[in-house]
Amino acid sequence: MTKDDLDDLPEEQHLAPDVVLLEMARAGAKRALTLTTPKVFVLSMLAGAFIAIGALFSILIASDVESDSVSRLLEGFGFSVGFFLVILSGALLFTEVNVELPATILRGGGQGRWVPIFRLWILAAVGNLVGALLVGLLVDYVGGLDPETNELLGEVVVAKMRYRDVGGVDGYLQAVVSGALGNWLVGMAAFLSVMGRTIIGKYIPVFLVVSAFVATGFLHSPANMAFISLIQPTGAGPGWGEALTWSIVPAAIGNILGAFFLVALPFWYAGTQRN
């Protein structure tokens, strides 16, 4: 192939994986070092609220569908809307931060900056929960959901709490592993959204990967926060103590591990080996 042939090739429509990881590392470092604590908390609350809206939308459009496969596809579409709102707005979602901050650390941007990094990590999780809680309370205040929608919401929450029934160390470990797998998929959705150069180029992989995540039923801490926040005001929820113990916290632990070992670390290693 001649130089003229190369010049005639269309511009690439996506970024290379090693460039994506660099962009995510830069974003993580910028957020950790430049955002004040109040700004981090506000952006985290917005992300939690967006995910709660996505969770609500997913339930609303799938509640009267008889086919399980079609219902899961619609739930995936609905939930991806919330995730895409996070991506486009620059809000701070815990599971996205779980990829950005390890990328920052692996690329050497975390040296001597552990306090702002861990501050961002913790505030993202807390802010997400507060944002989801507020949406749940407001939805209940304005009239709540119809019986069919509440029924599907209850089924989703039961699935999010299923490891409580297993119980013990084995149940907790299963929840953590499920969370790791969940953030492998959701982390890849965040990764691929950075890879795209257009709005559509960002949304298509988000929709596909988030739909796969919803269909698998793996745990995702902000999603668990969202669905449980929607059902708690109705009086049919598991209670926050049980929810935190068996769903939100083990999922968060797994989300961190999955993002690091299944997303950030492999692409960092592949990029350093290639370079």
C-alpha atoms as a PDB file:
ATOM      1  CA  MET A   1       0.000   0.000   0.000  1.00  0.00           C
ATOM      2  CA  THR A   2       1.436   3.373  -1.031  1.00  0.00           C
ATOM      3  CA  LYS A   3       1.475   6.599   0.959  1.00  0.00           C
ATOM      4  CA  ASP A   4      -1.247   8.019  -1.324  1.00  0.00           C
ATOM      5  CA  ASP A   5      -3.418   4.991  -0.544  1.00  0.00           C
ATOM      6  CA  LEU A   6      -2.945   5.596   3.168  1.00  0.00           C
ATOM      7  CA  ASP A   7      -3.853   9.271   2.769  1.00  0.00           C
ATOM      8  CA  ASP A   8      -7.117   8.267   1.082  1.00  0.00           C
ATOM      9  CA  LEU A   9      -8.226   6.082   3.996  1.00  0.00           C
ATOM     10  CA  PRO A  10     -11.076   7.524   6.062  1.00  0.00           C
ATOM     11  CA  GLU A  11     -10.287   8.913   9.487  1.00  0.00           C
ATOM     12  CA  GLU A  12     -10.606   6.327  12.248  1.00  0.00           C
ATOM     13  CA  GLN A  13     -13.967   6.523  13.996  1.00  0.00           C
ATOM     14  CA  HIS A  14     -12.665   5.363  17.360  1.00  0.00           C
ATOM     15  CA  LEU A  15      -9.652   5.765  19.616  1.00  0.00           C
ATOM     16  CA  ALA A  16      -7.153   2.963  20.188  1.00  0.00           C
ATOM     17  CA  PRO A  17      -7.472   1.120  23.529  1.00  0.00           C
ATOM     18  CA  ASP A  18      -4.177   2.456  24.915  1.00  0.00           C
ATOM     19  CA  VAL A  19      -5.263   6.006  24.072  1.00  0.00           C
ATOM     20  CA  VAL A  20      -8.606   5.391  25.775  1.00  0.00           C
ATOM     21  CA  LEU A  21      -6.867   4.252  28.951  1.00  0.00           C
ATOM     22  CA  LEU A  22      -4.655   7.355  28.852  1.00  0.00           C
ATOM     23  CA  GLU A  23      -7.721   9.573  28.457  1.00  0.00           C
ATOM     24  CA  MET A  24      -9.421   7.859  31.397  1.00  0.00           C
ATOM     25  CA  ALA A  25      -6.273   8.218  33.506  1.00  0.00           C
ATOM     26  CA  ARG A  26      -6.115  11.922  32.716  1.00  0.00           C
ATOM     27  CA  ALA A  27      -9.811  12.323  33.544  1.00  0.00           C
ATOM     28  CA  GLY A  28      -9.348  10.522  36.862  1.00  0.00           C
ATOM     29  CA  ALA A  29      -6.351  12.649  37.839  1.00  0.00           C
ATOM     30  CA  LYS A  30      -8.105  15.881  36.831  1.00  0.00           C
ATOM     31  CA  ARG A  31     -11.223  15.037  38.824  1.00  0.00           C
ATOM     32  CA  ALA A  32      -9.246  13.957  41.886  1.00  0.00           C
ATOM     33  CA  LEU A  33      -6.964  16.994  41.919  1.00  0.00           C
ATOM     34  CA  THR A  34      -9.124  19.865  40.672  1.00  0.00           C
ATOM     35  CA  LEU A  35     -12.645  19.196  41.921  1.00  0.00           C
ATOM     36  CA  THR A  36     -13.495  20.462  45.397  1.00  0.00           C
ATOM     37  CA  THR A  37     -15.283  18.161  47.827  1.00  0.00           C
ATOM     38  CA  PRO A  38     -18.682  19.885  47.319  1.00  0.00           C
ATOM     39  CA  LYS A  39     -18.338  19.632  43.524  1.00  0.00           C
ATOM     40  CA  VAL A  40     -17.422  15.940  43.731  1.00  0.00           C
ATOM     41  CA  PHE A  41     -20.440  15.308  45.925  1.00  0.00           C
ATOM     42  CA  VAL A  42     -22.834  17.207  43.639  1.00  0.00           C
ATOM     43  CA  LEU A  43     -21.576  15.405  40.522  1.00  0.00           C
ATOM     44  CA  SER A  44     -21.833  12.074  42.353  1.00  0.00           C
ATOM     45  CA  MET A  45     -25.398  12.834  43.446  1.00  0.00           C
ATOM     46  CA  LEU A  46     -26.292  13.669  39.851  1.00  0.00           C
ATOM     47  CA  ALA A  47     -24.863  10.345  38.678  1.00  0.00           C
ATOM     48  CA  GLY A  48     -26.848   8.431  41.296  1.00  0.00           C
ATOM     49  CA  ALA A  49     -30.000  10.305  40.294  1.00  0.00           C
ATOM     50  CA  PHE A  50     -29.417   9.575  36.599  1.00  0.00           C
ATOM     51  CA  ILE A  51     -28.924   5.877  37.304  1.00  0.00           C
ATOM     52  CA  ALA A  52     -32.147   5.873  39.353  1.00  0.00           C
ATOM     53  CA  ILE A  53     -33.977   7.450  36.411  1.00  0.00           C
ATOM     54  CA  GLY A  54     -32.532   4.777  34.127  1.00  0.00           C
ATOM     55  CA  ALA A  55     -33.643   2.092  36.577  1.00  0.00           C
ATOM     56  CA  LEU A  56     -37.124   3.616  36.735  1.00  0.00           C
ATOM     57  CA  PHE A  57     -37.338   3.856  32.942  1.00  0.00           C
ATOM     58  CA  SER A  58     -36.225   0.243  32.563  1.00  0.00           C
ATOM     59  CA  ILE A  59     -39.009  -0.928  34.885  1.00  0.00           C
ATOM     60  CA  LEU A  60     -41.667   1.255  33.283  1.00  0.00           C
ATOM     61  CA  ILE A  61     -41.091   0.047  29.719  1.00  0.00           C
ATOM     62  CA  ALA A  62     -40.678  -3.645  30.610  1.00  0.00           C
ATOM     63  CA  SER A  63     -43.387  -4.140  33.239  1.00  0.00           C
ATOM     64  CA  ASP A  64     -46.172  -5.394  30.937  1.00  0.00           C
ATOM     65  CA  VAL A  65     -44.019  -7.503  28.594  1.00  0.00           C
ATOM     66  CA  GLU A  66     -44.662 -11.250  28.802  1.00  0.00           C
ATOM     67  CA  SER A  67     -41.512 -12.457  27.037  1.00  0.00           C
ATOM     68  CA  ASP A  68     -38.554 -12.643  29.440  1.00  0.00           C
ATOM     69  CA  SER A  69     -36.013 -12.057  26.679  1.00  0.00           C
ATOM     70  CA  VAL A  70     -37.827  -8.991  25.310  1.00  0.00           C
ATOM     71  CA  SER A  71     -38.345  -7.696  28.842  1.00  0.00           C
ATOM     72  CA  ARG A  72     -34.619  -7.955  29.585  1.00  0.00           C
ATOM     73  CA  LEU A  73     -33.753  -6.209  26.325  1.00  0.00           C
ATOM     74  CA  LEU A  74     -36.106  -3.351  27.200  1.00  0.00           C
ATOM     75  CA  GLU A  75     -34.679  -3.185  30.715  1.00  0.00           C
ATOM     76  CA  GLY A  76     -31.208  -2.954  29.189  1.00  0.00           C
ATOM     77  CA  PHE A  77     -32.288  -0.134  26.904  1.00  0.00           C
ATOM     78  CA  GLY A  78     -33.937   1.733  29.769  1.00  0.00           C
ATOM     79  CA  PHE A  79     -30.995   1.365  32.106  1.00  0.00           C
ATOM     80  CA  SER A  80     -28.527   2.410  29.392  1.00  0.00           C
ATOM     81  CA  VAL A  81     -30.321   5.769  29.212  1.00  0.00           C
ATOM     82  CA  GLY A  82     -29.332   6.520  32.800  1.00  0.00           C
ATOM     83  CA  PHE A  83     -25.740   5.436  32.176  1.00  0.00           C
ATOM     84  CA  PHE A  84     -25.532   7.542  29.024  1.00  0.00           C
ATOM     85  CA  LEU A  85     -26.776  10.590  30.906  1.00  0.00           C
ATOM     86  CA  VAL A  86     -23.822  10.068  33.247  1.00  0.00           C
ATOM     87  CA  ILE A  87     -21.372   9.777  30.347  1.00  0.00           C
ATOM     88  CA  LEU A  88     -22.557  12.876  28.485  1.00  0.00           C
ATOM     89  CA  SER A  89     -22.987  15.091  31.545  1.00  0.00           C
ATOM     90  CA  GLY A  90     -19.634  14.340  33.152  1.00  0.00           C
ATOM     91  CA  ALA A  91     -21.331  13.211  36.355  1.00  0.00           C
ATOM     92  CA  LEU A  92     -19.366  10.962  38.731  1.00  0.00           C
ATOM     93  CA  LEU A  93     -20.505   7.349  38.786  1.00  0.00           C
ATOM     94  CA  PHE A  94     -18.769   4.980  41.204  1.00  0.00           C
ATOM     95  CA  THR A  95     -18.328   2.202  38.642  1.00  0.00           C
ATOM     96  CA  GLU A  96     -16.834   4.585  36.074  1.00  0.00           C
ATOM     97  CA  VAL A  97     -14.482   6.009  38.698  1.00  0.00           C
ATOM     98  CA  ASN A  98     -13.459   2.408  39.401  1.00  0.00           C
ATOM     99  CA  VAL A  99     -11.811   2.344  35.962  1.00  0.00           C
ATOM    100  CA  GLU A 100     -10.523   5.916  35.858  1.00  0.00           C
ATOM    101  CA  LEU A 101      -8.669   5.895  39.171  1.00  0.00           C
ATOM    102  CA  PRO A 102      -6.877   2.539  38.669  1.00  0.00           C
ATOM    103  CA  ALA A 103      -5.876   3.821  35.223  1.00  0.00           C
ATOM    104  CA  THR A 104      -4.524   6.965  36.896  1.00  0.00           C
ATOM    105  CA  ILE A 105      -2.570   4.900  39.424  1.00  0.00           C
ATOM    106  CA  LEU A 106      -1.213   2.438  36.844  1.00  0.00           C
ATOM    107  CA  ARG A 107       0.020   5.246  34.620  1.00  0.00           C
ATOM    108  CA  GLY A 108       1.863   6.852  37.530  1.00  0.00           C
ATOM    109  CA  GLY A 109      -0.555   9.711  38.130  1.00  0.00           C
ATOM    110  CA  GLY A 110      -1.394   8.629  41.648  1.00  0.00           C
ATOM    111  CA  GLN A 111       2.024   8.948  43.250  1.00  0.00           C
ATOM    112  CA  GLY A 112       1.783  11.178  46.296  1.00  0.00           C
ATOM    113  CA  ARG A 113      -1.879  11.892  45.597  1.00  0.00           C
ATOM    114  CA  TRP A 114      -3.588   9.159  47.578  1.00  0.00           C
ATOM    115  CA  VAL A 115      -5.772  11.452  49.699  1.00  0.00           C
ATOM    116  CA  PRO A 116      -7.603  13.151  46.777  1.00  0.00           C
ATOM    117  CA  ILE A 117      -7.880   9.830  44.941  1.00  0.00           C
ATOM    118  CA  PHE A 118      -9.506   8.008  47.855  1.00  0.00           C
ATOM    119  CA  ARG A 119     -11.639  11.072  48.608  1.00  0.00           C
ATOM    120  CA  LEU A 120     -13.020  10.910  45.069  1.00  0.00           C
ATOM    121  CA  TRP A 121     -13.586   7.165  45.327  1.00  0.00           C
ATOM    122  CA  ILE A 122     -15.490   7.350  48.618  1.00  0.00           C
ATOM    123  CA  LEU A 123     -17.514  10.454  47.787  1.00  0.00           C
ATOM    124  CA  ALA A 124     -18.546   8.966  44.448  1.00  0.00           C
ATOM    125  CA  ALA A 125     -20.099   5.976  46.221  1.00  0.00           C
ATOM    126  CA  VAL A 126     -21.782   8.041  48.946  1.00  0.00           C
ATOM    127  CA  GLY A 127     -23.029  10.677  46.512  1.00  0.00           C
ATOM    128  CA  ASN A 128     -24.453   8.038  44.180  1.00  0.00           C
ATOM    129  CA  LEU A 129     -26.460   6.588  47.067  1.00  0.00           C
ATOM    130  CA  VAL A 130     -27.771   9.991  48.147  1.00  0.00           C
ATOM    131  CA  GLY A 131     -28.786  10.882  44.587  1.00  0.00           C
ATOM    132  CA  ALA A 132     -30.617   7.583  44.140  1.00  0.00           C
ATOM    133  CA  LEU A 133     -32.325   8.000  47.528  1.00  0.00           C
ATOM    134  CA  LEU A 134     -33.634  11.438  46.604  1.00  0.00           C
ATOM    135  CA  VAL A 135     -35.096  10.188  43.329  1.00  0.00           C
ATOM    136  CA  GLY A 136     -36.753   7.267  45.099  1.00  0.00           C
ATOM    137  CA  LEU A 137     -38.333   9.584  47.678  1.00  0.00           C
ATOM    138  CA  LEU A 138     -39.518  12.049  45.042  1.00  0.00           C
ATOM    139  CA  VAL A 139     -41.030   9.313  42.858  1.00  0.00           C
ATOM    140  CA  ASP A 140     -42.945   8.009  45.856  1.00  0.00           C
ATOM    141  CA  TYR A 141     -44.029  11.538  46.853  1.00  0.00           C
ATOM    142  CA  VAL A 142     -45.561  12.324  43.440  1.00  0.00           C
ATOM    143  CA  GLY A 143     -47.630   9.152  43.390  1.00  0.00           C
ATOM    144  CA  GLY A 144     -45.305   6.193  43.059  1.00  0.00           C
ATOM    145  CA  LEU A 145     -45.673   3.383  40.540  1.00  0.00           C
ATOM    146  CA  ASP A 146     -48.651   1.358  39.358  1.00  0.00           C
ATOM    147  CA  PRO A 147     -49.111  -2.224  40.667  1.00  0.00           C
ATOM    148  CA  GLU A 148     -47.666  -3.944  37.564  1.00  0.00           C
ATOM    149  CA  THR A 149     -44.556  -1.772  37.656  1.00  0.00           C
ATOM    150  CA  ASN A 150     -44.163  -2.321  41.393  1.00  0.00           C
ATOM    151  CA  GLU A 151     -44.383  -6.068  40.821  1.00  0.00           C
ATOM    152  CA  LEU A 152     -41.497  -6.057  38.346  1.00  0.00           C
ATOM    153  CA  LEU A 153     -39.523  -3.712  40.610  1.00  0.00           C
ATOM    154  CA  GLY A 154     -40.002  -6.182  43.450  1.00  0.00           C
ATOM    155  CA  GLU A 155     -38.734  -9.037  41.271  1.00  0.00           C
ATOM    156  CA  VAL A 156     -35.638  -7.040  40.324  1.00  0.00           C
ATOM    157  CA  VAL A 157     -34.896  -6.185  43.959  1.00  0.00           C
ATOM    158  CA  VAL A 158     -35.308  -9.831  44.985  1.00  0.00           C
ATOM    159  CA  ALA A 159     -32.698 -10.705  42.340  1.00  0.00           C
ATOM    160  CA  LYS A 160     -30.390  -7.994  43.695  1.00  0.00           C
ATOM    161  CA  MET A 161     -30.748  -9.491  47.187  1.00  0.00           C
ATOM    162  CA  ARG A 162     -30.482 -13.162  46.189  1.00  0.00           C
ATOM    163  CA  TYR A 163     -27.146 -13.789  47.909  1.00  0.00           C
ATOM    164  CA  ARG A 164     -28.709 -13.044  51.279  1.00  0.00           C
ATOM    165  CA  ASP A 165     -30.587 -16.330  50.862  1.00  0.00           C
ATOM    166  CA  VAL A 166     -27.302 -18.160  50.283  1.00  0.00           C
ATOM    167  CA  GLY A 167     -25.901 -16.562  53.426  1.00  0.00           C
ATOM    168  CA  GLY A 168     -22.576 -16.930  55.163  1.00  0.00           C
ATOM    169  CA  VAL A 169     -19.143 -16.506  53.657  1.00  0.00           C
ATOM    170  CA  ASP A 170     -20.139 -18.330  50.488  1.00  0.00           C
ATOM    171  CA  GLY A 171     -23.078 -16.005  49.858  1.00  0.00           C
ATOM    172  CA  TYR A 172     -20.960 -12.913  50.468  1.00  0.00           C
ATOM    173  CA  LEU A 173     -18.173 -14.175  48.223  1.00  0.00           C
ATOM    174  CA  GLN A 174     -20.646 -14.939  45.445  1.00  0.00           C
ATOM    175  CA  ALA A 175     -21.981 -11.385  45.727  1.00  0.00           C
ATOM    176  CA  VAL A 176     -18.447  -9.969  45.467  1.00  0.00           C
ATOM    177  CA  VAL A 177     -17.643 -12.093  42.401  1.00  0.00           C
ATOM    178  CA  SER A 178     -20.944 -11.089  40.808  1.00  0.00           C
ATOM    179  CA  GLY A 179     -19.982  -7.463  41.428  1.00  0.00           C
ATOM    180  CA  ALA A 180     -16.599  -8.040  39.788  1.00  0.00           C
ATOM    181  CA  LEU A 181     -18.293  -9.438  36.689  1.00  0.00           C
ATOM    182  CA  GLY A 182     -20.788  -6.591  36.768  1.00  0.00           C
ATOM    183  CA  ASN A 183     -18.101  -3.907  36.701  1.00  0.00           C
ATOM    184  CA  TRP A 184     -16.226  -5.802  34.014  1.00  0.00           C
ATOM    185  CA  LEU A 185     -19.218  -5.129  31.748  1.00  0.00           C
ATOM    186  CA  VAL A 186     -20.164  -1.679  33.043  1.00  0.00           C
ATOM    187  CA  GLY A 187     -16.480  -0.695  33.107  1.00  0.00           C
ATOM    188  CA  MET A 188     -16.166  -1.776  29.486  1.00  0.00           C
ATOM    189  CA  ALA A 189     -19.227   0.330  28.653  1.00  0.00           C
ATOM    190  CA  ALA A 190     -17.432   3.351  30.153  1.00  0.00           C
ATOM    191  CA  PHE A 191     -14.209   2.366  28.346  1.00  0.00           C
ATOM    192  CA  LEU A 192     -15.942   2.015  24.969  1.00  0.00           C
ATOM    193  CA  SER A 193     -17.849   5.265  25.416  1.00  0.00           C
ATOM    194  CA  VAL A 194     -14.504   7.083  25.584  1.00  0.00           C
ATOM    195  CA  MET A 195     -13.388   5.176  22.496  1.00  0.00           C
ATOM    196  CA  GLY A 196     -16.240   6.580  20.376  1.00  0.00           C
ATOM    197  CA  ARG A 197     -15.761   9.950  18.706  1.00  0.00           C
ATOM    198  CA  THR A 198     -19.414  10.801  18.061  1.00  0.00           C
ATOM    199  CA  ILE A 199     -22.574  10.760  20.166  1.00  0.00           C
ATOM    200  CA  ILE A 200     -23.839   7.685  18.300  1.00  0.00           C
ATOM    201  CA  GLY A 201     -20.386   6.116  18.415  1.00  0.00           C
ATOM    202  CA  LYS A 202     -20.460   6.469  22.176  1.00  0.00           C
ATOM    203  CA  TYR A 203     -24.040   5.321  22.699  1.00  0.00           C
ATOM    204  CA  ILE A 204     -24.125   2.126  20.627  1.00  0.00           C
ATOM    205  CA  PRO A 205     -21.466   0.270  22.681  1.00  0.00           C
ATOM    206  CA  VAL A 206     -23.027   1.607  25.897  1.00  0.00           C
ATOM    207  CA  PHE A 207     -26.424   0.235  24.907  1.00  0.00           C
ATOM    208  CA  LEU A 208     -25.025  -3.141  23.824  1.00  0.00           C
ATOM    209  CA  VAL A 209     -22.775  -3.736  26.827  1.00  0.00           C
ATOM    210  CA  VAL A 210     -25.222  -2.369  29.410  1.00  0.00           C
ATOM    211  CA  SER A 211     -27.957  -4.558  27.898  1.00  0.00           C
ATOM    212  CA  ALA A 212     -25.668  -7.561  28.286  1.00  0.00           C
ATOM    213  CA  PHE A 213     -25.028  -6.551  31.899  1.00  0.00           C
ATOM    214  CA  VAL A 214     -28.751  -6.267  32.658  1.00  0.00           C
ATOM    215  CA  ALA A 215     -29.475  -9.623  31.019  1.00  0.00           C
ATOM    216  CA  THR A 216     -26.802 -11.420  33.047  1.00  0.00           C
ATOM    217  CA  GLY A 217     -28.096 -10.117  36.372  1.00  0.00           C
ATOM    218  CA  PHE A 218     -24.608  -9.408  37.719  1.00  0.00           C
ATOM    219  CA  LEU A 219     -24.444  -6.984  40.648  1.00  0.00           C
ATOM    220  CA  HIS A 220     -23.653  -3.309  40.133  1.00  0.00           C
ATOM    221  CA  SER A 221     -23.544  -1.162  43.240  1.00  0.00           C
ATOM    222  CA  PRO A 222     -25.138   2.038  41.828  1.00  0.00           C
ATOM    223  CA  ALA A 223     -27.832  -0.032  40.096  1.00  0.00           C
ATOM    224  CA  ASN A 224     -28.571  -1.811  43.368  1.00  0.00           C
ATOM    225  CA  MET A 225     -28.754   1.580  45.094  1.00  0.00           C
ATOM    226  CA  ALA A 226     -31.189   2.797  42.455  1.00  0.00           C
ATOM    227  CA  PHE A 227     -33.623  -0.120  42.474  1.00  0.00           C
ATOM    228  CA  ILE A 228     -33.612  -0.402  46.262  1.00  0.00           C
ATOM    229  CA  SER A 229     -34.112   3.369  46.606  1.00  0.00           C
ATOM    230  CA  LEU A 230     -37.186   3.092  44.373  1.00  0.00           C
ATOM    231  CA  ILE A 231     -38.762   0.274  46.397  1.00  0.00           C
ATOM    232  CA  GLN A 232     -37.863   1.321  49.961  1.00  0.00           C
ATOM    233  CA  PRO A 233     -40.430   4.162  50.212  1.00  0.00           C
ATOM    234  CA  THR A 234     -43.201   1.695  49.307  1.00  0.00           C
ATOM    235  CA  GLY A 235     -42.525  -0.375  52.422  1.00  0.00           C
ATOM    236  CA  ALA A 236     -41.764  -3.473  50.354  1.00  0.00           C
ATOM    237  CA  GLY A 237     -37.985  -3.130  50.365  1.00  0.00           C
ATOM    238  CA  PRO A 238     -35.470  -5.322  52.198  1.00  0.00           C
ATOM    239  CA  GLY A 239     -34.416  -2.571  54.610  1.00  0.00           C
ATOM    240  CA  TRP A 240     -31.230  -0.547  54.290  1.00  0.00           C
ATOM    241  CA  GLY A 241     -29.248  -2.676  56.724  1.00  0.00           C
ATOM    242  CA  GLU A 242     -29.846  -5.844  54.736  1.00  0.00           C
ATOM    243  CA  ALA A 243     -29.453  -4.027  51.422  1.00  0.00           C
ATOM    244  CA  LEU A 244     -26.086  -2.569  52.352  1.00  0.00           C
ATOM    245  CA  THR A 245     -24.830  -5.849  53.827  1.00  0.00           C
ATOM    246  CA  TRP A 246     -25.895  -8.247  51.089  1.00  0.00           C
ATOM    247  CA  SER A 247     -26.191  -6.154  47.955  1.00  0.00           C
ATOM    248  CA  ILE A 248     -24.640  -2.693  47.859  1.00  0.00           C
ATOM    249  CA  VAL A 249     -21.379  -3.147  49.808  1.00  0.00           C
ATOM    250  CA  PRO A 250     -20.311  -6.567  48.432  1.00  0.00           C
ATOM    251  CA  ALA A 251     -21.204  -5.359  44.953  1.00  0.00           C
ATOM    252  CA  ALA A 252     -19.042  -2.259  45.505  1.00  0.00           C
ATOM    253  CA  ILE A 253     -16.088  -4.394  46.604  1.00  0.00           C
ATOM    254  CA  GLY A 254     -16.506  -6.601  43.552  1.00  0.00           C
ATOM    255  CA  ASN A 255     -16.962  -3.565  41.298  1.00  0.00           C
ATOM    256  CA  ILE A 256     -13.582  -2.190  42.382  1.00  0.00           C
ATOM    257  CA  LEU A 257     -11.860  -5.552  41.849  1.00  0.00           C
ATOM    258  CA  GLY A 258     -13.533  -6.145  38.489  1.00  0.00           C
ATOM    259  CA  ALA A 259     -12.679  -2.693  37.157  1.00  0.00           C
ATOM    260  CA  PHE A 260      -9.043  -3.052  38.199  1.00  0.00           C
ATOM    261  CA  PHE A 261      -8.294  -6.659  37.245  1.00  0.00           C
ATOM    262  CA  LEU A 262     -10.627  -7.081  34.268  1.00  0.00           C
ATOM    263  CA  VAL A 263     -10.531  -3.639  32.623  1.00  0.00           C
ATOM    264  CA  ALA A 264      -7.756  -1.235  33.672  1.00  0.00           C
ATOM    265  CA  LEU A 265      -4.937  -3.717  34.330  1.00  0.00           C
ATOM    266  CA  PRO A 266      -5.231  -5.808  31.124  1.00  0.00           C
ATOM    267  CA  PHE A 267      -5.357  -2.764  28.842  1.00  0.00           C
ATOM    268  CA  TRP A 268      -2.539  -1.065  30.735  1.00  0.00           C
ATOM    269  CA  TYR A 269      -0.379  -4.201  30.449  1.00  0.00           C
ATOM    270  CA  ALA A 270      -1.182  -4.683  26.771  1.00  0.00           C
ATOM    271  CA  GLY A 271      -0.375  -1.027  26.081  1.00  0.00           C
ATOM    272  CA  THR A 272       2.959  -1.102  27.918  1.00  0.00           C
ATOM    273  CA  GLN A 273       3.956  -4.350  26.214  1.00  0.00           C
ATOM    274  CA  ARG A 274       3.130  -2.915  22.799  1.00  0.00           C
ATOM    275  CA  ASN A 275       5.078   0.246  23.511  1.00  0.00           C
END
